[in-house]
Amino acid sequence: MFARVSTYQETEDSLAESVRRTPAAVEKARAMSGFKGVYSLVDRSSGKSMTITLWETEEAMRESEEAANQLRDDEAAATGANIVSVERYEVATSELY
């Protein structure tokens, strides 16, 4: 499994709007081939947020780049969030209880 980690810096207002818009954004990501899941993390005190999308294979993650870039840019523009970074990782361990 592979992960794309997008980090944002937000204001209180943009963070609230981002959280409100998350379900619709997840539906768009879910339609991408190889999508396996997502985590959306927020630190309301600092305004920092992160989205971790999970992909079945590295190829699926790479093939989703263009659509993911567009979705990320659209959501940031709609909420006023600033995209700080986008990083890609191989998931070495994954376990939920």
N, C-alpha and C. Protein backbone atom coordinates (compact mmCIF):
# COMPACT_ATOMS: atom_id res chain seq x y z
N MET A 1 0.85 -1.17 0.00
CA MET A 1 0.00 0.00 0.00
C MET A 1 0.90 1.23 0.00
N PHE A 2 0.37 2.33 -0.55
CA PHE A 2 1.12 3.59 -0.64
C PHE A 2 0.24 4.73 -0.16
N ALA A 3 0.89 5.82 0.28
CA ALA A 3 0.16 6.95 0.84
C ALA A 3 0.67 8.26 0.26
N ARG A 4 -0.26 9.16 -0.01
CA ARG A 4 0.07 10.53 -0.37
C ARG A 4 -0.36 11.40 0.80
N VAL A 5 0.57 12.19 1.32
CA VAL A 5 0.31 13.03 2.49
C VAL A 5 0.35 14.50 2.06
N SER A 6 -0.79 15.15 2.16
CA SER A 6 -0.89 16.57 1.81
C SER A 6 -1.03 17.36 3.10
N THR A 7 -0.19 18.39 3.25
CA THR A 7 -0.20 19.22 4.45
C THR A 7 -0.66 20.63 4.08
N TYR A 8 -1.49 21.20 4.94
CA TYR A 8 -2.07 22.52 4.69
C TYR A 8 -1.89 23.41 5.91
N GLN A 9 -1.86 24.70 5.68
CA GLN A 9 -1.95 25.68 6.76
C GLN A 9 -3.24 26.44 6.53
N GLU A 10 -4.03 26.53 7.58
CA GLU A 10 -5.36 27.11 7.43
C GLU A 10 -5.67 28.12 8.53
N THR A 11 -6.64 28.95 8.24
CA THR A 11 -7.19 29.84 9.26
C THR A 11 -8.33 29.09 9.95
N GLU A 12 -8.86 29.64 11.00
CA GLU A 12 -9.99 29.02 11.68
C GLU A 12 -11.16 28.85 10.72
N ASP A 13 -11.43 29.88 9.91
CA ASP A 13 -12.55 29.82 8.96
C ASP A 13 -12.30 28.80 7.86
N SER A 14 -11.08 28.79 7.29
CA SER A 14 -10.81 27.85 6.21
C SER A 14 -10.82 26.42 6.72
N LEU A 15 -10.36 26.22 7.95
CA LEU A 15 -10.36 24.88 8.53
C LEU A 15 -11.79 24.37 8.71
N ALA A 16 -12.66 25.23 9.21
CA ALA A 16 -14.06 24.84 9.38
C ALA A 16 -14.70 24.50 8.04
N GLU A 17 -14.39 25.28 7.01
CA GLU A 17 -14.93 25.01 5.68
C GLU A 17 -14.34 23.73 5.10
N SER A 18 -13.06 23.49 5.32
CA SER A 18 -12.42 22.26 4.84
C SER A 18 -13.07 21.03 5.46
N VAL A 19 -13.31 21.07 6.76
CA VAL A 19 -13.94 19.94 7.45
C VAL A 19 -15.35 19.73 6.90
N ARG A 20 -16.07 20.80 6.67
CA ARG A 20 -17.43 20.70 6.13
C ARG A 20 -17.44 20.07 4.73
N ARG A 21 -16.43 20.38 3.92
CA ARG A 21 -16.36 19.91 2.54
C ARG A 21 -15.73 18.52 2.40
N THR A 22 -15.17 17.98 3.48
CA THR A 22 -14.44 16.71 3.40
C THR A 22 -15.26 15.56 2.81
N PRO A 23 -16.50 15.33 3.22
CA PRO A 23 -17.23 14.19 2.64
C PRO A 23 -17.34 14.23 1.12
N ALA A 24 -17.59 15.39 0.55
CA ALA A 24 -17.70 15.51 -0.91
C ALA A 24 -16.35 15.26 -1.58
N ALA A 25 -15.27 15.75 -0.97
CA ALA A 25 -13.94 15.53 -1.52
C ALA A 25 -13.58 14.05 -1.46
N VAL A 26 -13.95 13.38 -0.39
CA VAL A 26 -13.67 11.95 -0.25
C VAL A 26 -14.41 11.17 -1.33
N GLU A 27 -15.63 11.55 -1.64
CA GLU A 27 -16.38 10.87 -2.69
C GLU A 27 -15.65 10.97 -4.03
N LYS A 28 -15.06 12.12 -4.31
CA LYS A 28 -14.30 12.30 -5.56
C LYS A 28 -13.05 11.43 -5.55
N ALA A 29 -12.37 11.36 -4.42
CA ALA A 29 -11.17 10.52 -4.32
C ALA A 29 -11.54 9.05 -4.44
N ARG A 30 -12.64 8.66 -3.84
CA ARG A 30 -13.09 7.26 -3.86
C ARG A 30 -13.30 6.77 -5.29
N ALA A 31 -13.64 7.67 -6.20
CA ALA A 31 -13.87 7.29 -7.60
C ALA A 31 -12.57 7.02 -8.36
N MET A 32 -11.43 7.36 -7.77
CA MET A 32 -10.15 7.15 -8.44
C MET A 32 -9.71 5.69 -8.30
N SER A 33 -9.20 5.14 -9.39
CA SER A 33 -8.78 3.74 -9.41
C SER A 33 -7.66 3.48 -8.41
N GLY A 34 -7.81 2.43 -7.62
CA GLY A 34 -6.79 2.05 -6.65
C GLY A 34 -6.89 2.74 -5.31
N PHE A 35 -7.88 3.61 -5.13
CA PHE A 35 -8.07 4.30 -3.85
C PHE A 35 -8.47 3.30 -2.78
N LYS A 36 -7.80 3.36 -1.62
CA LYS A 36 -8.06 2.41 -0.54
C LYS A 36 -8.59 3.06 0.74
N GLY A 37 -8.43 4.38 0.90
CA GLY A 37 -8.92 5.02 2.11
C GLY A 37 -8.30 6.38 2.31
N VAL A 38 -8.75 7.04 3.36
CA VAL A 38 -8.27 8.40 3.64
C VAL A 38 -8.36 8.69 5.14
N TYR A 39 -7.42 9.47 5.61
CA TYR A 39 -7.46 10.06 6.95
C TYR A 39 -7.36 11.56 6.77
N SER A 40 -8.16 12.29 7.50
CA SER A 40 -8.10 13.75 7.50
C SER A 40 -7.80 14.17 8.94
N LEU A 41 -6.66 14.83 9.13
CA LEU A 41 -6.20 15.22 10.46
C LEU A 41 -6.20 16.73 10.58
N VAL A 42 -6.66 17.25 11.71
CA VAL A 42 -6.66 18.70 11.93
C VAL A 42 -6.13 19.02 13.32
N ASP A 43 -5.38 20.10 13.39
CA ASP A 43 -4.94 20.68 14.66
C ASP A 43 -5.55 22.07 14.72
N ARG A 44 -6.68 22.18 15.37
CA ARG A 44 -7.43 23.44 15.37
C ARG A 44 -6.65 24.57 16.05
N SER A 45 -5.78 24.24 16.98
CA SER A 45 -5.04 25.29 17.69
C SER A 45 -3.97 25.93 16.81
N SER A 46 -3.38 25.16 15.89
CA SER A 46 -2.33 25.72 15.03
C SER A 46 -2.81 26.02 13.61
N GLY A 47 -3.95 25.45 13.22
CA GLY A 47 -4.45 25.63 11.87
C GLY A 47 -3.82 24.68 10.86
N LYS A 48 -3.01 23.76 11.34
CA LYS A 48 -2.37 22.79 10.45
C LYS A 48 -3.32 21.61 10.23
N SER A 49 -3.39 21.16 8.98
CA SER A 49 -4.18 19.97 8.67
C SER A 49 -3.42 19.10 7.69
N MET A 50 -3.78 17.84 7.69
CA MET A 50 -3.15 16.87 6.79
C MET A 50 -4.22 15.93 6.26
N THR A 51 -4.05 15.55 5.01
CA THR A 51 -4.88 14.51 4.41
C THR A 51 -3.95 13.40 3.97
N ILE A 52 -4.25 12.20 4.40
CA ILE A 52 -3.47 11.02 4.01
C ILE A 52 -4.39 10.14 3.17
N THR A 53 -4.09 10.02 1.88
CA THR A 53 -4.85 9.12 1.04
C THR A 53 -4.05 7.85 0.84
N LEU A 54 -4.74 6.73 0.84
CA LEU A 54 -4.10 5.41 0.73
C LEU A 54 -4.44 4.79 -0.62
N TRP A 55 -3.42 4.16 -1.21
CA TRP A 55 -3.53 3.62 -2.56
C TRP A 55 -3.08 2.17 -2.59
N GLU A 56 -3.77 1.37 -3.37
CA GLU A 56 -3.50 -0.05 -3.46
C GLU A 56 -2.07 -0.33 -3.91
N THR A 57 -1.58 0.41 -4.91
CA THR A 57 -0.24 0.21 -5.44
C THR A 57 0.42 1.56 -5.71
N GLU A 58 1.73 1.54 -5.86
CA GLU A 58 2.44 2.76 -6.21
C GLU A 58 1.96 3.26 -7.57
N GLU A 59 1.72 2.35 -8.49
CA GLU A 59 1.24 2.73 -9.81
C GLU A 59 -0.11 3.45 -9.72
N ALA A 60 -1.02 2.93 -8.91
CA ALA A 60 -2.33 3.57 -8.73
C ALA A 60 -2.17 4.98 -8.16
N MET A 61 -1.27 5.12 -7.20
CA MET A 61 -1.03 6.43 -6.62
C MET A 61 -0.50 7.39 -7.69
N ARG A 62 0.47 6.93 -8.47
CA ARG A 62 1.06 7.78 -9.52
C ARG A 62 0.03 8.12 -10.60
N GLU A 63 -0.79 7.15 -10.97
CA GLU A 63 -1.80 7.40 -12.00
C GLU A 63 -2.88 8.38 -11.55
N SER A 64 -3.05 8.52 -10.24
CA SER A 64 -4.06 9.44 -9.72
C SER A 64 -3.52 10.85 -9.52
N GLU A 65 -2.24 11.06 -9.79
CA GLU A 65 -1.60 12.36 -9.50
C GLU A 65 -2.35 13.55 -10.10
N GLU A 66 -2.65 13.49 -11.38
CA GLU A 66 -3.29 14.64 -12.03
C GLU A 66 -4.64 14.95 -11.41
N ALA A 67 -5.47 13.92 -11.23
CA ALA A 67 -6.79 14.13 -10.63
C ALA A 67 -6.66 14.58 -9.18
N ALA A 68 -5.71 14.01 -8.45
CA ALA A 68 -5.51 14.41 -7.05
C ALA A 68 -5.01 15.84 -6.96
N ASN A 69 -4.11 16.23 -7.84
CA ASN A 69 -3.63 17.62 -7.86
C ASN A 69 -4.78 18.59 -8.10
N GLN A 70 -5.64 18.25 -9.05
CA GLN A 70 -6.78 19.12 -9.36
C GLN A 70 -7.74 19.21 -8.18
N LEU A 71 -8.03 18.07 -7.56
CA LEU A 71 -8.93 18.06 -6.41
C LEU A 71 -8.34 18.87 -5.26
N ARG A 72 -7.06 18.69 -4.99
CA ARG A 72 -6.38 19.43 -3.92
C ARG A 72 -6.42 20.93 -4.20
N ASP A 73 -6.08 21.32 -5.42
CA ASP A 73 -6.09 22.74 -5.78
C ASP A 73 -7.49 23.34 -5.69
N ASP A 74 -8.48 22.60 -6.17
CA ASP A 74 -9.87 23.08 -6.12
C ASP A 74 -10.33 23.28 -4.68
N GLU A 75 -10.04 22.31 -3.83
CA GLU A 75 -10.47 22.41 -2.43
C GLU A 75 -9.75 23.54 -1.71
N ALA A 76 -8.46 23.70 -1.95
CA ALA A 76 -7.71 24.79 -1.32
C ALA A 76 -8.25 26.14 -1.78
N ALA A 77 -8.55 26.26 -3.05
CA ALA A 77 -9.10 27.52 -3.57
C ALA A 77 -10.47 27.81 -2.98
N ALA A 78 -11.28 26.77 -2.82
CA ALA A 78 -12.64 26.96 -2.29
C ALA A 78 -12.65 27.31 -0.81
N THR A 79 -11.64 26.88 -0.07
CA THR A 79 -11.65 27.09 1.38
C THR A 79 -10.69 28.19 1.84
N GLY A 80 -9.71 28.52 1.00
CA GLY A 80 -8.69 29.49 1.41
C GLY A 80 -7.51 28.85 2.11
N ALA A 81 -7.42 27.53 2.06
CA ALA A 81 -6.28 26.83 2.68
C ALA A 81 -5.03 27.01 1.82
N ASN A 82 -3.88 26.98 2.46
CA ASN A 82 -2.60 27.03 1.75
C ASN A 82 -1.99 25.63 1.74
N ILE A 83 -1.65 25.13 0.56
CA ILE A 83 -1.00 23.84 0.44
C ILE A 83 0.47 24.03 0.81
N VAL A 84 0.92 23.34 1.85
CA VAL A 84 2.30 23.46 2.32
C VAL A 84 3.19 22.44 1.64
N SER A 85 2.72 21.18 1.54
CA SER A 85 3.54 20.14 0.94
C SER A 85 2.68 18.96 0.52
N VAL A 86 3.23 18.18 -0.40
CA VAL A 86 2.63 16.91 -0.82
C VAL A 86 3.78 15.91 -0.88
N GLU A 87 3.65 14.83 -0.11
CA GLU A 87 4.70 13.82 -0.05
C GLU A 87 4.09 12.44 -0.29
N ARG A 88 4.92 11.54 -0.74
CA ARG A 88 4.48 10.19 -1.05
C ARG A 88 5.32 9.17 -0.27
N TYR A 89 4.66 8.12 0.22
CA TYR A 89 5.31 7.12 1.04
C TYR A 89 4.82 5.73 0.70
N GLU A 90 5.64 4.74 0.97
CA GLU A 90 5.19 3.37 1.01
C GLU A 90 4.71 3.12 2.45
N VAL A 91 3.58 2.47 2.61
CA VAL A 91 3.07 2.16 3.94
C VAL A 91 3.75 0.87 4.40
N ALA A 92 4.57 0.99 5.43
CA ALA A 92 5.31 -0.16 5.93
C ALA A 92 4.46 -1.01 6.86
N THR A 93 3.59 -0.37 7.64
CA THR A 93 2.73 -1.07 8.59
C THR A 93 1.37 -0.39 8.62
N SER A 94 0.33 -1.17 8.67
CA SER A 94 -1.02 -0.62 8.79
C SER A 94 -1.83 -1.56 9.65
N GLU A 95 -2.36 -1.04 10.75
CA GLU A 95 -3.16 -1.87 11.64
C GLU A 95 -4.16 -0.99 12.35
N LEU A 96 -5.40 -1.35 12.30
CA LEU A 96 -6.47 -0.64 13.00
C LEU A 96 -7.11 -1.60 14.00
N TYR A 97 -7.54 -1.07 15.12
CA TYR A 97 -8.21 -1.89 16.13
C TYR A 97 -9.65 -1.51 16.25
